């Protein structure tokens, strides 16, 4: 097959300094395909794992977004900025009086669930406008006072390392939609000296790891080599690189059922057969999630079904 015909996920190691949109555009050019999206942005300052959605994989966005994340953050203590990272305006600077062991002990207590405001420099919308657009408004006549909404954030598996004077590194896991910048700002407030994010690396997005991802440079080289060496239409990129994840393997956490014959044909036409409805009722287990992926017996993703009040309904069909 050609890379432009691939549908699924592509795990990319985003470099710092690029926007998520830049990465998407770069991959579009490399693969020669317009249907490229992503399952969650990374700030330009951040680097690490980005899950891109390729071809019909763009239909998976809301399902891929559900997983927990893992990060490694470099933290500058004694400095407070308006963006909670070093790209922002400095609001205050203080000496750091605590020892590393004291800082580590306190940081390790900041695990669990917290109801914290989202950063003003974020893409959360109020009245149809993103918070960072309010924060960056320069026209005095258009400026309005905004209260950032709060959000439940969860952090665990903290590991703290000393990087030198006034600088530490924290590795952590967090729930979907949690802001590492907010955790860092709250740590600075608790220590009384302020803190800001100096660097951030996404090391995991459940169930995928940064070690599986490919750099943009290596992707360009792989693309050129694959196209020139591809003599067989059966050659699949996911057989050569873990960075390519097929549609059928993209959601290992989701309940799976297989169909054939009339059940398969009806699903392709947007209908659920009575036989499949009965099977879903028998197999569904509460607490295991409200989504079911349906595969053909030759292991191709056919559809995603969602549980509604009136029973299972078709949410996505794949061709």
C-alpha atoms as a PDB file:
ATOM      1  CA  UNK A   1       0.000   0.000   0.000  1.00  0.00           C
ATOM      2  CA  UNK A   2       0.977   3.650  -0.280  1.00  0.00           C
ATOM      3  CA  UNK A   3       1.374   5.730   2.870  1.00  0.00           C
ATOM      4  CA  UNK A   4      -1.247   8.121   1.483  1.00  0.00           C
ATOM      5  CA  UNK A   5      -3.719   5.200   1.722  1.00  0.00           C
ATOM      6  CA  UNK A   6      -2.998   4.476   5.393  1.00  0.00           C
ATOM      7  CA  UNK A   7      -5.768   4.917   7.957  1.00  0.00           C
ATOM      8  CA  UNK A   8      -5.149   4.754  11.687  1.00  0.00           C
ATOM      9  CA  UNK A   9      -2.925   6.458  14.232  1.00  0.00           C
ATOM     10  CA  UNK A  10       0.553   7.890  13.828  1.00  0.00           C
ATOM     11  CA  UNK A  11       2.614   8.427  16.987  1.00  0.00           C
ATOM     12  CA  UNK A  12       4.877  11.442  16.493  1.00  0.00           C
ATOM     13  CA  UNK A  13       7.617  12.836  18.729  1.00  0.00           C
ATOM     14  CA  UNK A  14       6.808  16.545  18.542  1.00  0.00           C
ATOM     15  CA  UNK A  15       9.794  18.891  18.889  1.00  0.00           C
ATOM     16  CA  UNK A  16       9.658  21.934  21.134  1.00  0.00           C
ATOM     17  CA  UNK A  17       9.039  25.194  19.289  1.00  0.00           C
ATOM     18  CA  UNK A  18       6.411  23.883  16.879  1.00  0.00           C
ATOM     19  CA  UNK A  19       2.672  24.285  17.277  1.00  0.00           C
ATOM     20  CA  UNK A  20       0.461  21.214  17.045  1.00  0.00           C
ATOM     21  CA  UNK A  21      -0.968  22.656  13.814  1.00  0.00           C
ATOM     22  CA  UNK A  22       2.568  22.891  12.399  1.00  0.00           C
ATOM     23  CA  UNK A  23       3.090  19.189  13.131  1.00  0.00           C
ATOM     24  CA  UNK A  24      -0.196  18.250  11.451  1.00  0.00           C
ATOM     25  CA  UNK A  25       0.692  20.272   8.344  1.00  0.00           C
ATOM     26  CA  UNK A  26       4.177  18.759   8.198  1.00  0.00           C
ATOM     27  CA  UNK A  27       2.773  15.227   8.344  1.00  0.00           C
ATOM     28  CA  UNK A  28       0.201  16.061   5.660  1.00  0.00           C
ATOM     29  CA  UNK A  29       3.046  17.044   3.363  1.00  0.00           C
ATOM     30  CA  UNK A  30       5.184  14.009   4.211  1.00  0.00           C
ATOM     31  CA  UNK A  31       2.410  11.437   3.753  1.00  0.00           C
ATOM     32  CA  UNK A  32       0.668  13.242   0.897  1.00  0.00           C
ATOM     33  CA  UNK A  33      -2.740  13.137   2.585  1.00  0.00           C
ATOM     34  CA  UNK A  34      -5.119  15.899   3.705  1.00  0.00           C
ATOM     35  CA  UNK A  35      -7.010  13.842   6.277  1.00  0.00           C
ATOM     36  CA  UNK A  36      -4.702  14.369   9.256  1.00  0.00           C
ATOM     37  CA  UNK A  37      -5.846  15.491  12.688  1.00  0.00           C
ATOM     38  CA  UNK A  38      -4.681  15.091  16.274  1.00  0.00           C
ATOM     39  CA  UNK A  39      -6.112  13.844  19.550  1.00  0.00           C
ATOM     40  CA  UNK A  40      -5.012  16.744  21.747  1.00  0.00           C
ATOM     41  CA  UNK A  41      -2.725  19.721  21.364  1.00  0.00           C
ATOM     42  CA  UNK A  42       0.675  20.293  22.911  1.00  0.00           C
ATOM     43  CA  UNK A  43       1.816  23.844  23.667  1.00  0.00           C
ATOM     44  CA  UNK A  44       4.633  25.109  21.425  1.00  0.00           C
ATOM     45  CA  UNK A  45       7.027  24.956  24.414  1.00  0.00           C
ATOM     46  CA  UNK A  46       6.190  21.265  24.931  1.00  0.00           C
ATOM     47  CA  UNK A  47       7.621  18.237  23.172  1.00  0.00           C
ATOM     48  CA  UNK A  48       6.954  14.537  23.132  1.00  0.00           C
ATOM     49  CA  UNK A  49       4.147  12.189  22.160  1.00  0.00           C
ATOM     50  CA  UNK A  50       1.433  13.458  19.841  1.00  0.00           C
ATOM     51  CA  UNK A  51      -1.192  11.030  18.556  1.00  0.00           C
ATOM     52  CA  UNK A  52      -2.126  11.964  15.010  1.00  0.00           C
ATOM     53  CA  UNK A  53      -5.254  10.656  13.316  1.00  0.00           C
ATOM     54  CA  UNK A  54      -4.722   9.611   9.713  1.00  0.00           C
ATOM     55  CA  UNK A  55      -7.343   8.969   7.016  1.00  0.00           C
ATOM     56  CA  UNK A  56     -10.404   7.351   8.534  1.00  0.00           C
ATOM     57  CA  UNK A  57      -8.591   7.498  11.849  1.00  0.00           C
ATOM     58  CA  UNK A  58      -9.889  11.093  12.084  1.00  0.00           C
ATOM     59  CA  UNK A  59     -13.229   9.518  13.083  1.00  0.00           C
ATOM     60  CA  UNK A  60     -11.617   8.268  16.316  1.00  0.00           C
ATOM     61  CA  UNK A  61     -10.882  11.656  17.890  1.00  0.00           C
ATOM     62  CA  UNK A  62     -13.360  11.565  20.770  1.00  0.00           C
ATOM     63  CA  UNK A  63     -12.400   7.997  21.707  1.00  0.00           C
ATOM     64  CA  UNK A  64      -8.609   8.445  21.635  1.00  0.00           C
ATOM     65  CA  UNK A  65      -8.885  11.575  23.820  1.00  0.00           C
ATOM     66  CA  UNK A  66     -10.187   9.625  26.812  1.00  0.00           C
ATOM     67  CA  UNK A  67      -6.888   8.180  28.083  1.00  0.00           C
ATOM     68  CA  UNK A  68      -4.688   9.319  30.960  1.00  0.00           C
ATOM     69  CA  UNK A  69      -1.435  11.135  30.203  1.00  0.00           C
ATOM     70  CA  UNK A  70       2.151  11.016  31.474  1.00  0.00           C
ATOM     71  CA  UNK A  71       4.528  13.982  31.535  1.00  0.00           C
ATOM     72  CA  UNK A  72       8.037  15.011  32.538  1.00  0.00           C
ATOM     73  CA  UNK A  73       8.280  18.685  33.519  1.00  0.00           C
ATOM     74  CA  UNK A  74      11.233  20.942  34.266  1.00  0.00           C
ATOM     75  CA  UNK A  75      10.269  23.468  36.948  1.00  0.00           C
ATOM     76  CA  UNK A  76      11.924  26.784  37.756  1.00  0.00           C
ATOM     77  CA  UNK A  77      11.318  27.671  41.398  1.00  0.00           C
ATOM     78  CA  UNK A  78      11.246  31.275  42.614  1.00  0.00           C
ATOM     79  CA  UNK A  79       9.691  32.669  39.429  1.00  0.00           C
ATOM     80  CA  UNK A  80       6.004  33.325  38.722  1.00  0.00           C
ATOM     81  CA  UNK A  81       4.645  34.172  35.237  1.00  0.00           C
ATOM     82  CA  UNK A  82       1.205  34.979  33.829  1.00  0.00           C
ATOM     83  CA  UNK A  83       1.243  31.915  31.533  1.00  0.00           C
ATOM     84  CA  UNK A  84       2.621  29.555  34.226  1.00  0.00           C
ATOM     85  CA  UNK A  85       5.595  28.858  31.919  1.00  0.00           C
ATOM     86  CA  UNK A  86       8.797  30.677  30.943  1.00  0.00           C
ATOM     87  CA  UNK A  87       7.275  32.111  27.764  1.00  0.00           C
ATOM     88  CA  UNK A  88       5.101  34.440  29.829  1.00  0.00           C
ATOM     89  CA  UNK A  89       5.489  37.785  31.544  1.00  0.00           C
ATOM     90  CA  UNK A  90       7.303  37.585  34.887  1.00  0.00           C
ATOM     91  CA  UNK A  91       4.975  38.596  37.706  1.00  0.00           C
ATOM     92  CA  UNK A  92       7.348  38.059  40.600  1.00  0.00           C
ATOM     93  CA  UNK A  93      10.647  36.534  41.716  1.00  0.00           C
ATOM     94  CA  UNK A  94      11.667  35.287  45.156  1.00  0.00           C
ATOM     95  CA  UNK A  95      14.499  33.377  46.743  1.00  0.00           C
ATOM     96  CA  UNK A  96      13.982  29.668  47.296  1.00  0.00           C
ATOM     97  CA  UNK A  97      14.648  29.043  50.996  1.00  0.00           C
ATOM     98  CA  UNK A  98      13.707  25.349  51.187  1.00  0.00           C
ATOM     99  CA  UNK A  99      16.139  22.512  50.644  1.00  0.00           C
ATOM    100  CA  UNK A 100      15.545  20.027  47.851  1.00  0.00           C
ATOM    101  CA  UNK A 101      14.403  17.405  50.355  1.00  0.00           C
ATOM    102  CA  UNK A 102      11.841  19.821  51.810  1.00  0.00           C
ATOM    103  CA  UNK A 103      10.594  20.721  48.326  1.00  0.00           C
ATOM    104  CA  UNK A 104      10.412  17.046  47.348  1.00  0.00           C
ATOM    105  CA  UNK A 105       8.522  16.115  50.507  1.00  0.00           C
ATOM    106  CA  UNK A 106       5.935  18.809  49.879  1.00  0.00           C
ATOM    107  CA  UNK A 107       5.596  18.051  46.159  1.00  0.00           C
ATOM    108  CA  UNK A 108       4.928  14.385  46.885  1.00  0.00           C
ATOM    109  CA  UNK A 109       1.911  15.363  48.984  1.00  0.00           C
ATOM    110  CA  UNK A 110       0.292  17.000  45.934  1.00  0.00           C
ATOM    111  CA  UNK A 111      -1.262  13.826  44.586  1.00  0.00           C
ATOM    112  CA  UNK A 112      -4.935  13.028  44.226  1.00  0.00           C
ATOM    113  CA  UNK A 113      -7.868  15.075  42.938  1.00  0.00           C
ATOM    114  CA  UNK A 114      -7.972  18.878  43.029  1.00  0.00           C
ATOM    115  CA  UNK A 115     -10.629  21.365  41.950  1.00  0.00           C
ATOM    116  CA  UNK A 116      -8.394  24.037  40.432  1.00  0.00           C
ATOM    117  CA  UNK A 117      -8.953  26.909  37.958  1.00  0.00           C
ATOM    118  CA  UNK A 118      -7.771  26.240  34.426  1.00  0.00           C
ATOM    119  CA  UNK A 119      -4.959  28.545  33.248  1.00  0.00           C
ATOM    120  CA  UNK A 120      -6.043  31.852  31.683  1.00  0.00           C
ATOM    121  CA  UNK A 121      -3.669  31.016  28.826  1.00  0.00           C
ATOM    122  CA  UNK A 122      -5.572  27.925  27.684  1.00  0.00           C
ATOM    123  CA  UNK A 123      -7.998  27.011  24.905  1.00  0.00           C
ATOM    124  CA  UNK A 124     -10.998  26.568  27.230  1.00  0.00           C
ATOM    125  CA  UNK A 125     -13.901  28.633  25.867  1.00  0.00           C
ATOM    126  CA  UNK A 126     -16.196  31.100  27.643  1.00  0.00           C
ATOM    127  CA  UNK A 127     -19.040  32.575  25.577  1.00  0.00           C
ATOM    128  CA  UNK A 128     -17.495  31.106  22.438  1.00  0.00           C
ATOM    129  CA  UNK A 129     -14.108  32.743  22.979  1.00  0.00           C
ATOM    130  CA  UNK A 130     -10.910  31.011  24.117  1.00  0.00           C
ATOM    131  CA  UNK A 131      -9.443  32.102  27.443  1.00  0.00           C
ATOM    132  CA  UNK A 132      -6.082  32.972  25.913  1.00  0.00           C
ATOM    133  CA  UNK A 133      -7.868  35.304  23.482  1.00  0.00           C
ATOM    134  CA  UNK A 134      -9.294  37.220  26.449  1.00  0.00           C
ATOM    135  CA  UNK A 135      -5.839  37.298  28.061  1.00  0.00           C
ATOM    136  CA  UNK A 136      -4.128  38.625  24.918  1.00  0.00           C
ATOM    137  CA  UNK A 137      -6.735  41.280  24.090  1.00  0.00           C
ATOM    138  CA  UNK A 138      -4.920  44.606  23.571  1.00  0.00           C
ATOM    139  CA  UNK A 139      -7.922  46.764  22.734  1.00  0.00           C
ATOM    140  CA  UNK A 140      -8.913  48.374  26.050  1.00  0.00           C
ATOM    141  CA  UNK A 141     -12.502  48.827  24.873  1.00  0.00           C
ATOM    142  CA  UNK A 142     -12.829  45.074  24.318  1.00  0.00           C
ATOM    143  CA  UNK A 143     -11.181  43.878  27.526  1.00  0.00           C
ATOM    144  CA  UNK A 144     -13.475  42.117  29.966  1.00  0.00           C
ATOM    145  CA  UNK A 145     -12.915  40.630  33.395  1.00  0.00           C
ATOM    146  CA  UNK A 146     -12.895  36.830  33.207  1.00  0.00           C
ATOM    147  CA  UNK A 147     -13.054  34.281  36.009  1.00  0.00           C
ATOM    148  CA  UNK A 148     -11.376  31.078  34.912  1.00  0.00           C
ATOM    149  CA  UNK A 149     -13.614  28.042  35.388  1.00  0.00           C
ATOM    150  CA  UNK A 150     -12.457  25.322  37.756  1.00  0.00           C
ATOM    151  CA  UNK A 151     -11.863  21.755  36.705  1.00  0.00           C
ATOM    152  CA  UNK A 152     -11.289  18.485  38.514  1.00  0.00           C
ATOM    153  CA  UNK A 153      -7.656  17.481  37.954  1.00  0.00           C
ATOM    154  CA  UNK A 154      -5.965  14.320  39.159  1.00  0.00           C
ATOM    155  CA  UNK A 155      -2.225  13.660  39.567  1.00  0.00           C
ATOM    156  CA  UNK A 156      -0.331  10.552  40.715  1.00  0.00           C
ATOM    157  CA  UNK A 157       2.932   8.560  40.355  1.00  0.00           C
ATOM    158  CA  UNK A 158       5.133  11.572  41.118  1.00  0.00           C
ATOM    159  CA  UNK A 159       8.904  11.265  40.857  1.00  0.00           C
ATOM    160  CA  UNK A 160      11.024  14.313  41.826  1.00  0.00           C
ATOM    161  CA  UNK A 161      14.627  14.962  40.781  1.00  0.00           C
ATOM    162  CA  UNK A 162      17.051  17.760  41.655  1.00  0.00           C
ATOM    163  CA  UNK A 163      18.368  19.610  38.585  1.00  0.00           C
ATOM    164  CA  UNK A 164      20.400  22.201  40.449  1.00  0.00           C
ATOM    165  CA  UNK A 165      19.805  25.568  42.094  1.00  0.00           C
ATOM    166  CA  UNK A 166      16.099  26.495  42.014  1.00  0.00           C
ATOM    167  CA  UNK A 167      15.283  23.835  39.441  1.00  0.00           C
ATOM    168  CA  UNK A 168      13.632  20.432  39.744  1.00  0.00           C
ATOM    169  CA  UNK A 169      12.216  17.827  37.397  1.00  0.00           C
ATOM    170  CA  UNK A 170       8.899  16.097  38.065  1.00  0.00           C
ATOM    171  CA  UNK A 171       7.550  13.032  36.272  1.00  0.00           C
ATOM    172  CA  UNK A 172       3.858  12.345  36.779  1.00  0.00           C
ATOM    173  CA  UNK A 173       0.690  10.749  35.508  1.00  0.00           C
ATOM    174  CA  UNK A 174      -2.509  12.767  35.250  1.00  0.00           C
ATOM    175  CA  UNK A 175      -6.103  12.444  34.137  1.00  0.00           C
ATOM    176  CA  UNK A 176      -7.353  13.637  30.766  1.00  0.00           C
ATOM    177  CA  UNK A 177      -7.627  17.417  30.703  1.00  0.00           C
ATOM    178  CA  UNK A 178      -5.427  18.057  33.754  1.00  0.00           C
ATOM    179  CA  UNK A 179      -3.000  20.976  33.469  1.00  0.00           C
ATOM    180  CA  UNK A 180       0.597  20.318  34.533  1.00  0.00           C
ATOM    181  CA  UNK A 181       1.178  24.088  34.450  1.00  0.00           C
ATOM    182  CA  UNK A 182      -1.528  24.521  37.078  1.00  0.00           C
ATOM    183  CA  UNK A 183       0.047  21.847  39.300  1.00  0.00           C
ATOM    184  CA  UNK A 184       3.380  23.662  39.027  1.00  0.00           C
ATOM    185  CA  UNK A 185       1.813  27.028  39.861  1.00  0.00           C
ATOM    186  CA  UNK A 186       0.029  25.521  42.877  1.00  0.00           C
ATOM    187  CA  UNK A 187       3.324  24.009  44.063  1.00  0.00           C
ATOM    188  CA  UNK A 188       4.983  27.420  43.824  1.00  0.00           C
ATOM    189  CA  UNK A 189       2.172  29.021  45.805  1.00  0.00           C
ATOM    190  CA  UNK A 190       2.361  26.333  48.485  1.00  0.00           C
ATOM    191  CA  UNK A 191       6.131  26.794  48.801  1.00  0.00           C
ATOM    192  CA  UNK A 192       5.689  30.575  48.993  1.00  0.00           C
ATOM    193  CA  UNK A 193       8.267  31.305  46.290  1.00  0.00           C
ATOM    194  CA  UNK A 194       6.321  30.789  43.069  1.00  0.00           C
ATOM    195  CA  UNK A 195       7.141  28.338  40.286  1.00  0.00           C
ATOM    196  CA  UNK A 196       6.865  28.209  36.517  1.00  0.00           C
ATOM    197  CA  UNK A 197       7.245  25.522  33.871  1.00  0.00           C
ATOM    198  CA  UNK A 198      10.578  25.611  32.067  1.00  0.00           C
ATOM    199  CA  UNK A 199       9.998  22.596  29.831  1.00  0.00           C
ATOM    200  CA  UNK A 200       7.478  19.806  29.283  1.00  0.00           C
ATOM    201  CA  UNK A 201       7.630  16.396  27.627  1.00  0.00           C
ATOM    202  CA  UNK A 202       4.587  14.182  27.124  1.00  0.00           C
ATOM    203  CA  UNK A 203       5.942  10.691  27.731  1.00  0.00           C
ATOM    204  CA  UNK A 204       2.695   8.754  27.415  1.00  0.00           C
ATOM    205  CA  UNK A 205      -0.933   8.953  26.318  1.00  0.00           C
ATOM    206  CA  UNK A 206      -2.675   5.789  27.417  1.00  0.00           C
ATOM    207  CA  UNK A 207      -2.032   3.183  26.088  1.00  0.00           C
ATOM    208  CA  UNK A 208       0.779   4.599  23.914  1.00  0.00           C
ATOM    209  CA  UNK A 209       4.328   5.559  24.938  1.00  0.00           C
ATOM    210  CA  UNK A 210       6.838   8.084  23.644  1.00  0.00           C
ATOM    211  CA  UNK A 211       9.229   5.199  22.894  1.00  0.00           C
ATOM    212  CA  UNK A 212       6.856   4.140  20.074  1.00  0.00           C
ATOM    213  CA  UNK A 213       6.843   7.592  18.441  1.00  0.00           C
ATOM    214  CA  UNK A 214       8.833   8.739  15.415  1.00  0.00           C
ATOM    215  CA  UNK A 215      10.459  12.108  14.817  1.00  0.00           C
ATOM    216  CA  UNK A 216       9.394  14.209  11.838  1.00  0.00           C
ATOM    217  CA  UNK A 217      12.847  13.825  10.315  1.00  0.00           C
ATOM    218  CA  UNK A 218      12.759  10.029  10.574  1.00  0.00           C
ATOM    219  CA  UNK A 219       9.178   9.985   9.264  1.00  0.00           C
ATOM    220  CA  UNK A 220      10.245  11.860   6.142  1.00  0.00           C
ATOM    221  CA  UNK A 221      13.095   9.400   5.591  1.00  0.00           C
ATOM    222  CA  UNK A 222      10.843   6.387   6.224  1.00  0.00           C
ATOM    223  CA  UNK A 223       8.249   7.749   3.807  1.00  0.00           C
ATOM    224  CA  UNK A 224      10.784   8.152   1.020  1.00  0.00           C
ATOM    225  CA  UNK A 225      12.289   4.693   1.623  1.00  0.00           C
ATOM    226  CA  UNK A 226       8.872   3.023   1.933  1.00  0.00           C
ATOM    227  CA  UNK A 227       7.534   4.466  -1.311  1.00  0.00           C
ATOM    228  CA  UNK A 228      10.654   3.571  -3.281  1.00  0.00           C
ATOM    229  CA  UNK A 229      10.949   0.032  -1.855  1.00  0.00           C
ATOM    230  CA  UNK A 230       7.249  -0.826  -1.777  1.00  0.00           C
ATOM    231  CA  UNK A 231       6.808  -3.464  -4.483  1.00  0.00           C
ATOM    232  CA  UNK A 232       3.929  -5.289  -2.839  1.00  0.00           C
ATOM    233  CA  UNK A 233       0.466  -3.848  -2.313  1.00  0.00           C
ATOM    234  CA  UNK A 234       0.243  -6.026   0.805  1.00  0.00           C
ATOM    235  CA  UNK A 235       3.108  -4.227   2.582  1.00  0.00           C
ATOM    236  CA  UNK A 236       1.765  -2.382   5.619  1.00  0.00           C
ATOM    237  CA  UNK A 237       3.658   0.450   7.407  1.00  0.00           C
ATOM    238  CA  UNK A 238       2.518  -0.800  10.854  1.00  0.00           C
ATOM    239  CA  UNK A 239       4.418  -4.023  10.164  1.00  0.00           C
ATOM    240  CA  UNK A 240       7.632  -2.001   9.973  1.00  0.00           C
ATOM    241  CA  UNK A 241       7.213   0.740  12.585  1.00  0.00           C
ATOM    242  CA  UNK A 242       5.382   0.800  15.960  1.00  0.00           C
ATOM    243  CA  UNK A 243       4.631   4.477  15.267  1.00  0.00           C
ATOM    244  CA  UNK A 244       1.910   3.361  12.827  1.00  0.00           C
ATOM    245  CA  UNK A 245      -1.163   1.880  14.540  1.00  0.00           C
ATOM    246  CA  UNK A 246      -3.909   0.363  12.399  1.00  0.00           C
ATOM    247  CA  UNK A 247      -7.592   1.132  12.945  1.00  0.00           C
ATOM    248  CA  UNK A 248      -8.194  -2.385  14.245  1.00  0.00           C
ATOM    249  CA  UNK A 249      -5.511  -1.939  16.944  1.00  0.00           C
ATOM    250  CA  UNK A 250      -6.194   1.692  17.834  1.00  0.00           C
ATOM    251  CA  UNK A 251      -8.575   1.115  20.780  1.00  0.00           C
ATOM    252  CA  UNK A 252      -7.452  -1.964  22.745  1.00  0.00           C
ATOM    253  CA  UNK A 253      -9.408  -0.827  25.810  1.00  0.00           C
ATOM    254  CA  UNK A 254     -12.776  -0.857  24.016  1.00  0.00           C
ATOM    255  CA  UNK A 255     -15.071  -3.906  24.027  1.00  0.00           C
ATOM    256  CA  UNK A 256     -14.838  -5.792  20.736  1.00  0.00           C
ATOM    257  CA  UNK A 257     -17.338  -7.922  18.806  1.00  0.00           C
ATOM    258  CA  UNK A 258     -17.008  -9.586  15.403  1.00  0.00           C
ATOM    259  CA  UNK A 259     -19.667  -9.929  12.727  1.00  0.00           C
ATOM    260  CA  UNK A 260     -20.051 -11.393   9.254  1.00  0.00           C
ATOM    261  CA  UNK A 261     -22.674 -11.968   6.594  1.00  0.00           C
ATOM    262  CA  UNK A 262     -25.919 -10.039   6.936  1.00  0.00           C
ATOM    263  CA  UNK A 263     -24.849  -8.432  10.222  1.00  0.00           C
ATOM    264  CA  UNK A 264     -21.803  -6.970   8.468  1.00  0.00           C
ATOM    265  CA  UNK A 265     -23.761  -5.772   5.441  1.00  0.00           C
ATOM    266  CA  UNK A 266     -26.457  -4.099   7.543  1.00  0.00           C
ATOM    267  CA  UNK A 267     -23.840  -2.242   9.602  1.00  0.00           C
ATOM    268  CA  UNK A 268     -22.242  -0.947   6.419  1.00  0.00           C
ATOM    269  CA  UNK A 269     -25.679   0.409   5.500  1.00  0.00           C
ATOM    270  CA  UNK A 270     -26.120   2.060   8.895  1.00  0.00           C
ATOM    271  CA  UNK A 271     -28.339  -0.576  10.547  1.00  0.00           C
ATOM    272  CA  UNK A 272     -27.936  -2.966  13.483  1.00  0.00           C
ATOM    273  CA  UNK A 273     -29.441  -6.393  12.923  1.00  0.00           C
ATOM    274  CA  UNK A 274     -31.718  -7.956  15.545  1.00  0.00           C
ATOM    275  CA  UNK A 275     -29.179 -10.756  15.941  1.00  0.00           C
ATOM    276  CA  UNK A 276     -26.400  -8.260  16.759  1.00  0.00           C
ATOM    277  CA  UNK A 277     -28.672  -6.368  19.167  1.00  0.00           C
ATOM    278  CA  UNK A 278     -29.311  -9.591  21.049  1.00  0.00           C
ATOM    279  CA  UNK A 279     -25.594 -10.396  21.139  1.00  0.00           C
ATOM    280  CA  UNK A 280     -24.811  -6.921  22.481  1.00  0.00           C
ATOM    281  CA  UNK A 281     -27.350  -7.354  25.276  1.00  0.00           C
ATOM    282  CA  UNK A 282     -25.797 -10.722  26.208  1.00  0.00           C
ATOM    283  CA  UNK A 283     -22.169  -9.561  26.077  1.00  0.00           C
ATOM    284  CA  UNK A 284     -22.396  -6.023  27.478  1.00  0.00           C
ATOM    285  CA  UNK A 285     -21.119  -5.625  31.028  1.00  0.00           C
ATOM    286  CA  UNK A 286     -21.908  -2.405  32.969  1.00  0.00           C
ATOM    287  CA  UNK A 287     -18.781  -0.563  34.065  1.00  0.00           C
ATOM    288  CA  UNK A 288     -16.746  -1.735  31.077  1.00  0.00           C
ATOM    289  CA  UNK A 289     -17.554   1.384  29.053  1.00  0.00           C
ATOM    290  CA  UNK A 290     -20.429   2.443  26.848  1.00  0.00           C
ATOM    291  CA  UNK A 291     -18.691   1.849  23.507  1.00  0.00           C
ATOM    292  CA  UNK A 292     -18.296  -1.266  21.397  1.00  0.00           C
ATOM    293  CA  UNK A 293     -16.043  -1.617  18.358  1.00  0.00           C
ATOM    294  CA  UNK A 294     -17.275  -4.043  15.742  1.00  0.00           C
ATOM    295  CA  UNK A 295     -14.764  -5.877  13.544  1.00  0.00           C
ATOM    296  CA  UNK A 296     -15.202  -8.173  10.582  1.00  0.00           C
ATOM    297  CA  UNK A 297     -13.837 -11.697  10.924  1.00  0.00           C
ATOM    298  CA  UNK A 298     -10.845 -10.728   8.788  1.00  0.00           C
ATOM    299  CA  UNK A 299     -10.011  -8.208  11.551  1.00  0.00           C
ATOM    300  CA  UNK A 300     -11.075  -4.925   9.934  1.00  0.00           C
ATOM    301  CA  UNK A 301     -12.713  -2.182  12.002  1.00  0.00           C
ATOM    302  CA  UNK A 302     -16.263  -1.823  10.727  1.00  0.00           C
ATOM    303  CA  UNK A 303     -18.128   0.400  13.194  1.00  0.00           C
ATOM    304  CA  UNK A 304     -18.290   1.902  16.672  1.00  0.00           C
ATOM    305  CA  UNK A 305     -21.537   1.539  18.583  1.00  0.00           C
ATOM    306  CA  UNK A 306     -22.541   3.642  21.587  1.00  0.00           C
ATOM    307  CA  UNK A 307     -24.934   2.776  24.381  1.00  0.00           C
ATOM    308  CA  UNK A 308     -27.830   5.244  24.614  1.00  0.00           C
ATOM    309  CA  UNK A 309     -31.034   5.213  26.658  1.00  0.00           C
ATOM    310  CA  UNK A 310     -32.825   3.471  23.802  1.00  0.00           C
ATOM    311  CA  UNK A 311     -30.055   0.882  23.386  1.00  0.00           C
ATOM    312  CA  UNK A 312     -26.951   0.645  21.216  1.00  0.00           C
ATOM    313  CA  UNK A 313     -26.726   3.067  18.308  1.00  0.00           C
ATOM    314  CA  UNK A 314     -24.225   3.379  15.445  1.00  0.00           C
ATOM    315  CA  UNK A 315     -21.785   6.236  16.104  1.00  0.00           C
ATOM    316  CA  UNK A 316     -19.193   5.689  13.366  1.00  0.00           C
ATOM    317  CA  UNK A 317     -18.924   3.481  10.274  1.00  0.00           C
ATOM    318  CA  UNK A 318     -15.562   2.790   8.614  1.00  0.00           C
ATOM    319  CA  UNK A 319     -14.987   1.880   4.980  1.00  0.00           C
END
